[in-house]
């Protein structure tokens, strides 16, 4: 928070006190049970976790922007004339877009390490993956993955129930969604229909 420009140390201490001194109470059968003190501070789903995510995401976004200003990273265009996209942040996931060369891979690794140091947590590289454009040669893919210590994404990898890699065929992706919806509907009919009629 100090690195993001929160100059008021009292404010930072207050936030840190909220994060590190968490206690829960459970209301059961008209009685309050607790307090329960978790060993790891606040948990995902806690009321503060959304706001802390926004602060962390803003810090990560600012760090990526700094890398772009210093020309250490350059985002990608999805089409000619489209704006350059350098990153997208989701609930628990972040996508960083850059050119496919060893220098950019080293910059991404440096970016991740700086973010880890600021956050005080380690990024789980086992749950991370690298996506490449179809025109990136195999030897460069291997080299970049080796620098980052992150495996290449599999063609059938899925995020939020949808394939990560979508080809040009709209029929294929819409067919995937159609089959997924039909399977869900069929599971409902099996549960709701009585075998007795």
C-alpha atoms as a PDB file:
ATOM      1  CA  UNK A   1       0.000   0.000   0.000  1.00  0.00           C
ATOM      2  CA  UNK A   2       2.900   2.330   0.711  1.00  0.00           C
ATOM      3  CA  UNK A   3       4.298   1.565  -2.754  1.00  0.00           C
ATOM      4  CA  UNK A   4       0.928   2.515  -4.268  1.00  0.00           C
ATOM      5  CA  UNK A   5       1.077   5.961  -2.683  1.00  0.00           C
ATOM      6  CA  UNK A   6      -0.819   5.482   0.590  1.00  0.00           C
ATOM      7  CA  UNK A   7       1.315   7.987   2.506  1.00  0.00           C
ATOM      8  CA  UNK A   8      -0.706   7.925   5.707  1.00  0.00           C
ATOM      9  CA  UNK A   9       0.972   5.234   7.814  1.00  0.00           C
ATOM     10  CA  UNK A  10      -1.966   5.263  10.244  1.00  0.00           C
ATOM     11  CA  UNK A  11      -4.305   4.204   7.412  1.00  0.00           C
ATOM     12  CA  UNK A  12      -1.965   1.380   6.350  1.00  0.00           C
ATOM     13  CA  UNK A  13      -1.649   0.192   9.972  1.00  0.00           C
ATOM     14  CA  UNK A  14      -5.443   0.230  10.353  1.00  0.00           C
ATOM     15  CA  UNK A  15      -5.919  -1.899   7.220  1.00  0.00           C
ATOM     16  CA  UNK A  16      -3.167  -4.298   8.320  1.00  0.00           C
ATOM     17  CA  UNK A  17      -4.793  -4.618  11.759  1.00  0.00           C
ATOM     18  CA  UNK A  18      -8.097  -5.543  10.074  1.00  0.00           C
ATOM     19  CA  UNK A  19      -6.389  -8.138   7.893  1.00  0.00           C
ATOM     20  CA  UNK A  20      -4.204  -9.764  10.531  1.00  0.00           C
ATOM     21  CA  UNK A  21      -6.513  -9.764  13.568  1.00  0.00           C
ATOM     22  CA  UNK A  22      -9.552 -11.625  12.279  1.00  0.00           C
ATOM     23  CA  UNK A  23     -12.105 -13.283  14.573  1.00  0.00           C
ATOM     24  CA  UNK A  24     -15.371 -14.966  13.696  1.00  0.00           C
ATOM     25  CA  UNK A  25     -18.380 -15.847  15.840  1.00  0.00           C
ATOM     26  CA  UNK A  26     -21.042 -18.399  14.939  1.00  0.00           C
ATOM     27  CA  UNK A  27     -24.691 -17.980  15.876  1.00  0.00           C
ATOM     28  CA  UNK A  28     -26.205 -21.451  16.498  1.00  0.00           C
ATOM     29  CA  UNK A  29     -29.512 -22.333  18.212  1.00  0.00           C
ATOM     30  CA  UNK A  30     -29.828 -18.845  19.655  1.00  0.00           C
ATOM     31  CA  UNK A  31     -26.342 -18.867  21.175  1.00  0.00           C
ATOM     32  CA  UNK A  32     -23.177 -17.131  20.051  1.00  0.00           C
ATOM     33  CA  UNK A  33     -20.245 -19.530  19.776  1.00  0.00           C
ATOM     34  CA  UNK A  34     -16.730 -18.277  19.462  1.00  0.00           C
ATOM     35  CA  UNK A  35     -14.714 -16.306  18.916  1.00  0.00           C
ATOM     36  CA  UNK A  36     -12.904 -18.426  16.324  1.00  0.00           C
ATOM     37  CA  UNK A  37      -9.527 -17.071  15.246  1.00  0.00           C
ATOM     38  CA  UNK A  38      -8.322 -18.403  11.866  1.00  0.00           C
ATOM     39  CA  UNK A  39      -4.602 -19.082  11.612  1.00  0.00           C
ATOM     40  CA  UNK A  40      -4.270 -17.397   8.196  1.00  0.00           C
ATOM     41  CA  UNK A  41      -5.957 -14.015   8.630  1.00  0.00           C
ATOM     42  CA  UNK A  42      -8.918 -13.131   6.436  1.00  0.00           C
ATOM     43  CA  UNK A  43     -10.321 -15.750   4.078  1.00  0.00           C
ATOM     44  CA  UNK A  44     -11.655 -15.598   0.562  1.00  0.00           C
ATOM     45  CA  UNK A  45     -15.281 -14.538   0.776  1.00  0.00           C
ATOM     46  CA  UNK A  46     -14.696 -12.290   3.780  1.00  0.00           C
ATOM     47  CA  UNK A  47     -16.305  -8.860   3.415  1.00  0.00           C
ATOM     48  CA  UNK A  48     -12.888  -7.177   3.239  1.00  0.00           C
ATOM     49  CA  UNK A  49     -11.410  -9.600   0.687  1.00  0.00           C
ATOM     50  CA  UNK A  50     -13.139  -7.918  -2.273  1.00  0.00           C
ATOM     51  CA  UNK A  51     -11.709  -4.525  -1.358  1.00  0.00           C
ATOM     52  CA  UNK A  52      -8.267  -5.973  -0.735  1.00  0.00           C
ATOM     53  CA  UNK A  53      -8.417  -7.653  -4.148  1.00  0.00           C
ATOM     54  CA  UNK A  54      -9.204  -4.285  -5.750  1.00  0.00           C
ATOM     55  CA  UNK A  55      -6.215  -2.693  -3.998  1.00  0.00           C
ATOM     56  CA  UNK A  56      -3.928  -5.574  -5.056  1.00  0.00           C
ATOM     57  CA  UNK A  57      -5.267  -5.541  -8.626  1.00  0.00           C
ATOM     58  CA  UNK A  58      -4.720  -1.785  -8.832  1.00  0.00           C
ATOM     59  CA  UNK A  59      -1.155  -2.243  -7.597  1.00  0.00           C
ATOM     60  CA  UNK A  60      -0.503  -5.015 -10.141  1.00  0.00           C
ATOM     61  CA  UNK A  61      -1.993  -2.896 -12.931  1.00  0.00           C
ATOM     62  CA  UNK A  62       0.197   0.069 -11.934  1.00  0.00           C
ATOM     63  CA  UNK A  63       3.273  -2.182 -11.921  1.00  0.00           C
ATOM     64  CA  UNK A  64       2.463  -3.472 -15.425  1.00  0.00           C
ATOM     65  CA  UNK A  65       1.937   0.120 -16.631  1.00  0.00           C
ATOM     66  CA  UNK A  66       5.348   1.052 -15.215  1.00  0.00           C
ATOM     67  CA  UNK A  67       6.955  -1.839 -17.105  1.00  0.00           C
ATOM     68  CA  UNK A  68       5.257  -0.569 -20.282  1.00  0.00           C
ATOM     69  CA  UNK A  69       6.418   3.036 -19.735  1.00  0.00           C
ATOM     70  CA  UNK A  70       9.974   1.774 -19.221  1.00  0.00           C
ATOM     71  CA  UNK A  71       9.569  -0.296 -22.430  1.00  0.00           C
ATOM     72  CA  UNK A  72      10.274  -3.549 -20.601  1.00  0.00           C
ATOM     73  CA  UNK A  73       6.954  -4.986 -21.809  1.00  0.00           C
ATOM     74  CA  UNK A  74       4.727  -4.281 -24.774  1.00  0.00           C
ATOM     75  CA  UNK A  75       1.145  -5.516 -24.964  1.00  0.00           C
ATOM     76  CA  UNK A  76      -0.521  -7.101 -27.994  1.00  0.00           C
ATOM     77  CA  UNK A  77      -3.098  -6.020 -30.545  1.00  0.00           C
ATOM     78  CA  UNK A  78      -5.908  -8.474 -31.213  1.00  0.00           C
ATOM     79  CA  UNK A  79      -6.526  -6.952 -34.663  1.00  0.00           C
ATOM     80  CA  UNK A  80      -5.097  -4.284 -36.907  1.00  0.00           C
ATOM     81  CA  UNK A  81      -6.160  -0.862 -35.619  1.00  0.00           C
ATOM     82  CA  UNK A  82      -7.254  -2.298 -32.252  1.00  0.00           C
ATOM     83  CA  UNK A  83      -5.845  -0.859 -29.017  1.00  0.00           C
ATOM     84  CA  UNK A  84      -2.886  -2.543 -27.369  1.00  0.00           C
ATOM     85  CA  UNK A  85      -3.912  -4.834 -24.493  1.00  0.00           C
ATOM     86  CA  UNK A  86      -1.291  -5.531 -21.829  1.00  0.00           C
ATOM     87  CA  UNK A  87      -3.351  -7.243 -19.121  1.00  0.00           C
ATOM     88  CA  UNK A  88      -6.781  -8.332 -17.913  1.00  0.00           C
ATOM     89  CA  UNK A  89      -7.624  -8.969 -14.268  1.00  0.00           C
ATOM     90  CA  UNK A  90     -10.370 -11.307 -13.089  1.00  0.00           C
ATOM     91  CA  UNK A  91     -11.586 -12.471  -9.673  1.00  0.00           C
ATOM     92  CA  UNK A  92      -8.621 -14.711  -8.860  1.00  0.00           C
ATOM     93  CA  UNK A  93      -6.728 -14.673 -12.132  1.00  0.00           C
ATOM     94  CA  UNK A  94      -4.627 -12.289 -14.175  1.00  0.00           C
ATOM     95  CA  UNK A  95      -3.693 -12.388 -17.841  1.00  0.00           C
ATOM     96  CA  UNK A  96      -0.529 -10.570 -18.973  1.00  0.00           C
ATOM     97  CA  UNK A  97      -0.121 -10.086 -22.730  1.00  0.00           C
ATOM     98  CA  UNK A  98       3.250  -9.419 -24.339  1.00  0.00           C
ATOM     99  CA  UNK A  99       5.406 -10.107 -27.374  1.00  0.00           C
ATOM    100  CA  UNK A 100       6.827 -13.636 -27.606  1.00  0.00           C
ATOM    101  CA  UNK A 101      10.581 -13.254 -27.105  1.00  0.00           C
ATOM    102  CA  UNK A 102      13.044 -14.153 -24.376  1.00  0.00           C
ATOM    103  CA  UNK A 103      13.523 -10.536 -23.243  1.00  0.00           C
ATOM    104  CA  UNK A 104       9.784 -10.132 -22.648  1.00  0.00           C
ATOM    105  CA  UNK A 105       9.726 -13.435 -20.741  1.00  0.00           C
ATOM    106  CA  UNK A 106      12.494 -12.147 -18.466  1.00  0.00           C
ATOM    107  CA  UNK A 107      10.513  -8.938 -17.926  1.00  0.00           C
ATOM    108  CA  UNK A 108       7.360 -10.900 -17.041  1.00  0.00           C
ATOM    109  CA  UNK A 109       9.357 -12.946 -14.527  1.00  0.00           C
ATOM    110  CA  UNK A 110      10.760  -9.739 -13.008  1.00  0.00           C
ATOM    111  CA  UNK A 111       7.234  -8.271 -12.904  1.00  0.00           C
ATOM    112  CA  UNK A 112       5.901 -11.322 -11.060  1.00  0.00           C
ATOM    113  CA  UNK A 113       8.793 -11.302  -8.565  1.00  0.00           C
ATOM    114  CA  UNK A 114       8.293  -7.596  -7.800  1.00  0.00           C
ATOM    115  CA  UNK A 115       4.569  -8.164  -7.311  1.00  0.00           C
ATOM    116  CA  UNK A 116       5.286 -11.108  -4.980  1.00  0.00           C
ATOM    117  CA  UNK A 117       7.667  -8.959  -2.928  1.00  0.00           C
ATOM    118  CA  UNK A 118       5.114  -6.146  -2.630  1.00  0.00           C
ATOM    119  CA  UNK A 119       2.284  -8.565  -1.820  1.00  0.00           C
ATOM    120  CA  UNK A 120       4.233 -10.729   0.594  1.00  0.00           C
ATOM    121  CA  UNK A 121       2.855 -13.874  -1.051  1.00  0.00           C
ATOM    122  CA  UNK A 122       4.107 -16.248  -3.698  1.00  0.00           C
ATOM    123  CA  UNK A 123       2.408 -16.783  -7.056  1.00  0.00           C
ATOM    124  CA  UNK A 124       1.492 -20.429  -7.611  1.00  0.00           C
ATOM    125  CA  UNK A 125       3.359 -21.234 -10.829  1.00  0.00           C
ATOM    126  CA  UNK A 126       1.862 -24.748 -10.860  1.00  0.00           C
ATOM    127  CA  UNK A 127      -1.555 -23.165 -11.457  1.00  0.00           C
ATOM    128  CA  UNK A 128      -0.180 -20.773 -14.089  1.00  0.00           C
ATOM    129  CA  UNK A 129       0.208 -21.354 -17.818  1.00  0.00           C
ATOM    130  CA  UNK A 130       1.532 -19.605 -20.918  1.00  0.00           C
ATOM    131  CA  UNK A 131      -0.558 -19.159 -24.062  1.00  0.00           C
ATOM    132  CA  UNK A 132       1.096 -18.586 -27.424  1.00  0.00           C
ATOM    133  CA  UNK A 133      -0.083 -17.337 -30.785  1.00  0.00           C
ATOM    134  CA  UNK A 134      -0.155 -20.106 -33.399  1.00  0.00           C
ATOM    135  CA  UNK A 135       2.772 -18.512 -35.282  1.00  0.00           C
ATOM    136  CA  UNK A 136       5.315 -18.811 -32.409  1.00  0.00           C
ATOM    137  CA  UNK A 137       7.923 -21.500 -33.176  1.00  0.00           C
ATOM    138  CA  UNK A 138       8.266 -24.513 -30.871  1.00  0.00           C
ATOM    139  CA  UNK A 139      11.874 -23.736 -29.843  1.00  0.00           C
ATOM    140  CA  UNK A 140      10.855 -20.213 -28.756  1.00  0.00           C
ATOM    141  CA  UNK A 141       7.863 -21.600 -26.835  1.00  0.00           C
ATOM    142  CA  UNK A 142      10.161 -23.995 -24.974  1.00  0.00           C
ATOM    143  CA  UNK A 143      12.667 -21.229 -24.227  1.00  0.00           C
ATOM    144  CA  UNK A 144      10.018 -18.828 -22.874  1.00  0.00           C
ATOM    145  CA  UNK A 145       8.413 -21.518 -20.692  1.00  0.00           C
ATOM    146  CA  UNK A 146      11.863 -22.402 -19.353  1.00  0.00           C
ATOM    147  CA  UNK A 147      12.612 -18.770 -18.439  1.00  0.00           C
ATOM    148  CA  UNK A 148       9.254 -18.329 -16.694  1.00  0.00           C
ATOM    149  CA  UNK A 149       9.226 -21.791 -15.050  1.00  0.00           C
ATOM    150  CA  UNK A 150       5.595 -21.997 -16.216  1.00  0.00           C
ATOM    151  CA  UNK A 151       4.208 -24.736 -18.507  1.00  0.00           C
ATOM    152  CA  UNK A 152       2.541 -24.042 -21.839  1.00  0.00           C
ATOM    153  CA  UNK A 153      -1.261 -24.141 -21.738  1.00  0.00           C
ATOM    154  CA  UNK A 154      -2.829 -27.266 -23.154  1.00  0.00           C
ATOM    155  CA  UNK A 155      -5.162 -26.916 -26.129  1.00  0.00           C
ATOM    156  CA  UNK A 156      -8.097 -28.245 -24.112  1.00  0.00           C
ATOM    157  CA  UNK A 157      -7.531 -25.980 -21.081  1.00  0.00           C
ATOM    158  CA  UNK A 158     -10.665 -24.382 -19.649  1.00  0.00           C
ATOM    159  CA  UNK A 159     -11.309 -21.185 -17.667  1.00  0.00           C
ATOM    160  CA  UNK A 160     -14.717 -20.484 -16.094  1.00  0.00           C
ATOM    161  CA  UNK A 161     -16.169 -23.411 -18.023  1.00  0.00           C
ATOM    162  CA  UNK A 162     -15.060 -22.172 -21.453  1.00  0.00           C
ATOM    163  CA  UNK A 163     -12.058 -23.170 -23.572  1.00  0.00           C
ATOM    164  CA  UNK A 164      -9.076 -20.832 -23.194  1.00  0.00           C
ATOM    165  CA  UNK A 165      -7.950 -21.304 -26.760  1.00  0.00           C
ATOM    166  CA  UNK A 166     -10.602 -20.551 -29.339  1.00  0.00           C
ATOM    167  CA  UNK A 167      -9.868 -20.984 -33.011  1.00  0.00           C
ATOM    168  CA  UNK A 168     -11.476 -19.043 -35.825  1.00  0.00           C
ATOM    169  CA  UNK A 169     -14.376 -21.494 -36.061  1.00  0.00           C
ATOM    170  CA  UNK A 170     -17.401 -20.024 -34.318  1.00  0.00           C
ATOM    171  CA  UNK A 171     -19.168 -23.317 -34.958  1.00  0.00           C
ATOM    172  CA  UNK A 172     -16.659 -25.159 -32.752  1.00  0.00           C
ATOM    173  CA  UNK A 173     -16.982 -22.816 -29.761  1.00  0.00           C
ATOM    174  CA  UNK A 174     -20.750 -22.510 -30.065  1.00  0.00           C
ATOM    175  CA  UNK A 175     -20.955 -26.306 -30.441  1.00  0.00           C
ATOM    176  CA  UNK A 176     -19.009 -26.641 -27.188  1.00  0.00           C
ATOM    177  CA  UNK A 177     -21.491 -24.346 -25.433  1.00  0.00           C
ATOM    178  CA  UNK A 178     -24.480 -26.107 -27.009  1.00  0.00           C
ATOM    179  CA  UNK A 179     -23.262 -29.521 -25.807  1.00  0.00           C
ATOM    180  CA  UNK A 180     -22.547 -28.155 -22.331  1.00  0.00           C
ATOM    181  CA  UNK A 181     -26.055 -26.682 -22.052  1.00  0.00           C
ATOM    182  CA  UNK A 182     -27.712 -29.837 -23.421  1.00  0.00           C
ATOM    183  CA  UNK A 183     -25.808 -32.003 -20.932  1.00  0.00           C
ATOM    184  CA  UNK A 184     -26.938 -29.743 -18.094  1.00  0.00           C
ATOM    185  CA  UNK A 185     -30.585 -29.866 -19.239  1.00  0.00           C
ATOM    186  CA  UNK A 186     -30.445 -33.652 -19.633  1.00  0.00           C
ATOM    187  CA  UNK A 187     -29.120 -33.985 -16.077  1.00  0.00           C
ATOM    188  CA  UNK A 188     -32.123 -31.995 -14.843  1.00  0.00           C
ATOM    189  CA  UNK A 189     -34.632 -34.208 -16.650  1.00  0.00           C
ATOM    190  CA  UNK A 190     -33.069 -37.345 -15.149  1.00  0.00           C
ATOM    191  CA  UNK A 191     -33.399 -35.869 -11.658  1.00  0.00           C
ATOM    192  CA  UNK A 192     -36.918 -34.483 -12.032  1.00  0.00           C
ATOM    193  CA  UNK A 193     -38.732 -37.245 -13.920  1.00  0.00           C
ATOM    194  CA  UNK A 194     -40.150 -40.087 -11.888  1.00  0.00           C
ATOM    195  CA  UNK A 195     -39.372 -43.597 -13.146  1.00  0.00           C
ATOM    196  CA  UNK A 196     -42.942 -44.575 -12.179  1.00  0.00           C
ATOM    197  CA  UNK A 197     -44.334 -42.083 -14.674  1.00  0.00           C
END
